[in-house]
Amino acid sequence: MFTELNVFKIAYSMATHAGKRQALVSENIANADTPGYHAKDIKPFKEIYASGTRPGEMIASRSNHLNGAVGSDLDWAVSRSKEGSDPNNNSVSLELEMLKGVEVQRQHKRALAVYKSSMNILRASLGKA
């Protein structure tokens, strides 16, 4: 009857996005004192996911970045700040990166909560609660 449950695809996509964004936040913090380093970030999940053609699909900005080439790692969505605020031309703000880290943690917890809730509903519908 059901071959795909889109709620699981969405939860997986949200958790993956949070993981990628956390990696960039960590990279930014690690390079906070690197001269000429510009902070990186990924577009918000809402923007990436919103205009997918079917539920569960993310936006494809080129033909092979989602399911085609292995190891694409959302590189297409990474943006860099252009101006550095420090004398060494570094644009990393530790305060902003900490706030992004908290936001990413919340997004990941939300994705896991959606997944767990969906699993409980699925188990209850099958009588295996």
Protein backbone atom coordinates (compact mmCIF):
# COMPACT_ATOMS: atom_id res chain seq x y z
CA MET A 1 0.00 0.00 0.00
CA PHE A 2 2.66 2.52 1.03
CA THR A 3 5.97 2.24 -0.75
CA GLU A 4 7.40 5.49 0.59
CA LEU A 5 6.52 7.55 3.62
CA ASN A 6 7.54 11.13 2.93
CA VAL A 7 7.65 12.09 6.59
CA PHE A 8 10.71 9.86 6.99
CA LYS A 9 12.38 11.43 3.96
CA ILE A 10 11.75 14.88 5.36
CA ALA A 11 13.10 13.96 8.81
CA TYR A 12 16.18 12.40 7.20
CA SER A 13 16.76 15.46 5.01
CA MET A 14 16.38 17.79 7.99
CA ALA A 15 18.82 15.78 10.12
CA THR A 16 21.33 15.60 7.25
CA HIS A 17 21.07 19.34 6.68
CA ALA A 18 21.64 19.97 10.40
CA GLY A 19 24.72 17.75 10.33
CA LYS A 20 26.20 19.56 7.35
CA ARG A 21 25.52 22.95 8.90
CA GLN A 22 27.07 21.86 12.20
CA ALA A 23 30.21 20.81 10.32
CA LEU A 24 30.47 24.29 8.79
CA VAL A 25 29.87 25.98 12.15
CA SER A 26 32.68 23.87 13.63
CA GLU A 27 34.96 24.74 10.73
CA ASN A 28 34.20 28.44 11.20
CA ILE A 29 34.99 28.28 14.93
CA ALA A 30 38.21 26.37 14.26
CA ASN A 31 39.32 29.08 11.82
CA ALA A 32 38.29 32.05 13.96
CA ASP A 33 41.89 33.31 14.06
CA THR A 34 42.96 32.32 10.56
CA PRO A 35 43.91 35.42 8.55
CA GLY A 36 41.72 35.91 5.48
CA TYR A 37 39.23 33.18 6.42
CA HIS A 38 35.61 33.97 5.59
CA ALA A 39 32.77 32.31 7.50
CA LYS A 40 30.68 29.71 5.66
CA ASP A 41 27.05 28.75 6.08
CA ILE A 42 24.38 26.68 4.32
CA LYS A 43 21.04 28.03 3.18
CA PRO A 44 18.27 27.36 5.71
CA PHE A 45 16.48 24.01 5.37
CA LYS A 46 13.22 25.81 4.69
CA GLU A 47 14.65 27.45 1.56
CA ILE A 48 16.33 24.29 0.28
CA TYR A 49 13.29 22.10 0.83
CA ALA A 50 10.44 24.50 0.08
CA SER A 51 10.38 24.41 -3.69
CA GLY A 52 10.91 20.68 -4.22
CA THR A 53 8.69 19.21 -6.91
CA ARG A 54 7.29 16.41 -4.73
CA PRO A 55 7.12 16.01 -0.96
CA GLY A 56 10.40 14.63 0.29
CA GLU A 57 12.50 16.07 -2.53
CA MET A 58 14.98 18.84 -2.10
CA ILE A 59 15.78 21.57 -4.62
CA ALA A 60 18.13 20.49 -7.39
CA SER A 61 20.17 23.42 -8.62
CA ARG A 62 22.05 21.23 -11.08
CA SER A 63 21.34 17.80 -12.50
CA ASN A 64 23.64 15.61 -10.40
CA HIS A 65 24.12 17.18 -6.99
CA LEU A 66 21.48 15.30 -5.01
CA ASN A 67 21.34 11.75 -6.33
CA GLY A 68 23.92 11.69 -9.11
CA ALA A 69 27.48 12.37 -8.02
CA VAL A 70 28.73 10.71 -4.88
CA GLY A 71 30.07 13.06 -2.22
CA SER A 72 28.36 16.27 -3.32
CA ASP A 73 27.90 17.20 0.38
CA LEU A 74 25.67 20.21 -0.29
CA ASP A 75 28.65 22.21 -1.60
CA TRP A 76 26.27 23.99 -3.95
CA ALA A 77 24.46 25.58 -1.00
CA VAL A 78 27.51 26.88 0.88
CA SER A 79 27.81 30.63 1.02
CA ARG A 80 30.76 32.63 2.27
CA SER A 81 30.75 36.02 3.89
CA LYS A 82 32.74 38.43 1.76
CA GLU A 83 33.95 41.06 4.17
CA GLY A 84 36.18 40.59 7.15
CA SER A 85 35.59 42.67 10.24
CA ASP A 86 38.96 41.95 11.85
CA PRO A 87 42.22 43.65 10.91
CA ASN A 88 43.36 40.27 9.53
CA ASN A 89 40.32 40.12 7.18
CA ASN A 90 38.61 37.31 9.10
CA SER A 91 34.79 37.40 9.12
CA VAL A 92 34.10 34.78 11.83
CA SER A 93 32.09 36.00 14.81
CA LEU A 94 32.26 33.46 17.63
CA GLU A 95 29.00 34.77 19.12
CA LEU A 96 27.12 34.24 15.86
CA GLU A 97 28.65 30.80 15.40
CA MET A 98 27.55 29.77 18.90
CA LEU A 99 24.00 30.91 18.10
CA LYS A 100 24.08 28.96 14.84
CA GLY A 101 25.25 25.90 16.78
CA VAL A 102 22.27 26.14 19.12
CA GLU A 103 19.92 26.58 16.14
CA VAL A 104 21.42 23.52 14.45
CA GLN A 105 21.03 21.46 17.64
CA ARG A 106 17.36 22.40 17.80
CA GLN A 107 16.86 21.49 14.14
CA HIS A 108 18.47 18.09 14.66
CA LYS A 109 16.39 17.40 17.77
CA ARG A 110 13.27 18.42 15.85
CA ALA A 111 14.12 16.00 13.04
CA LEU A 112 14.64 13.15 15.51
CA ALA A 113 11.39 13.99 17.28
CA VAL A 114 9.49 13.87 13.97
CA TYR A 115 11.11 10.55 13.14
CA LYS A 116 10.37 9.00 16.56
CA SER A 117 6.79 10.25 16.57
CA SER A 118 6.21 8.89 13.07
CA MET A 119 7.65 5.53 14.09
CA ASN A 120 5.32 5.40 17.12
CA ILE A 121 2.31 6.20 14.93
CA LEU A 122 3.36 3.56 12.41
CA ARG A 123 3.83 0.96 15.15
CA ALA A 124 0.44 1.82 16.70
CA SER A 125 -1.28 1.49 13.33
CA LEU A 126 0.24 -1.96 12.89
CA GLY A 127 -0.77 -2.95 16.42
CA LYS A 128 2.83 -3.31 17.57
CA ALA A 129 2.85 -0.45 20.07
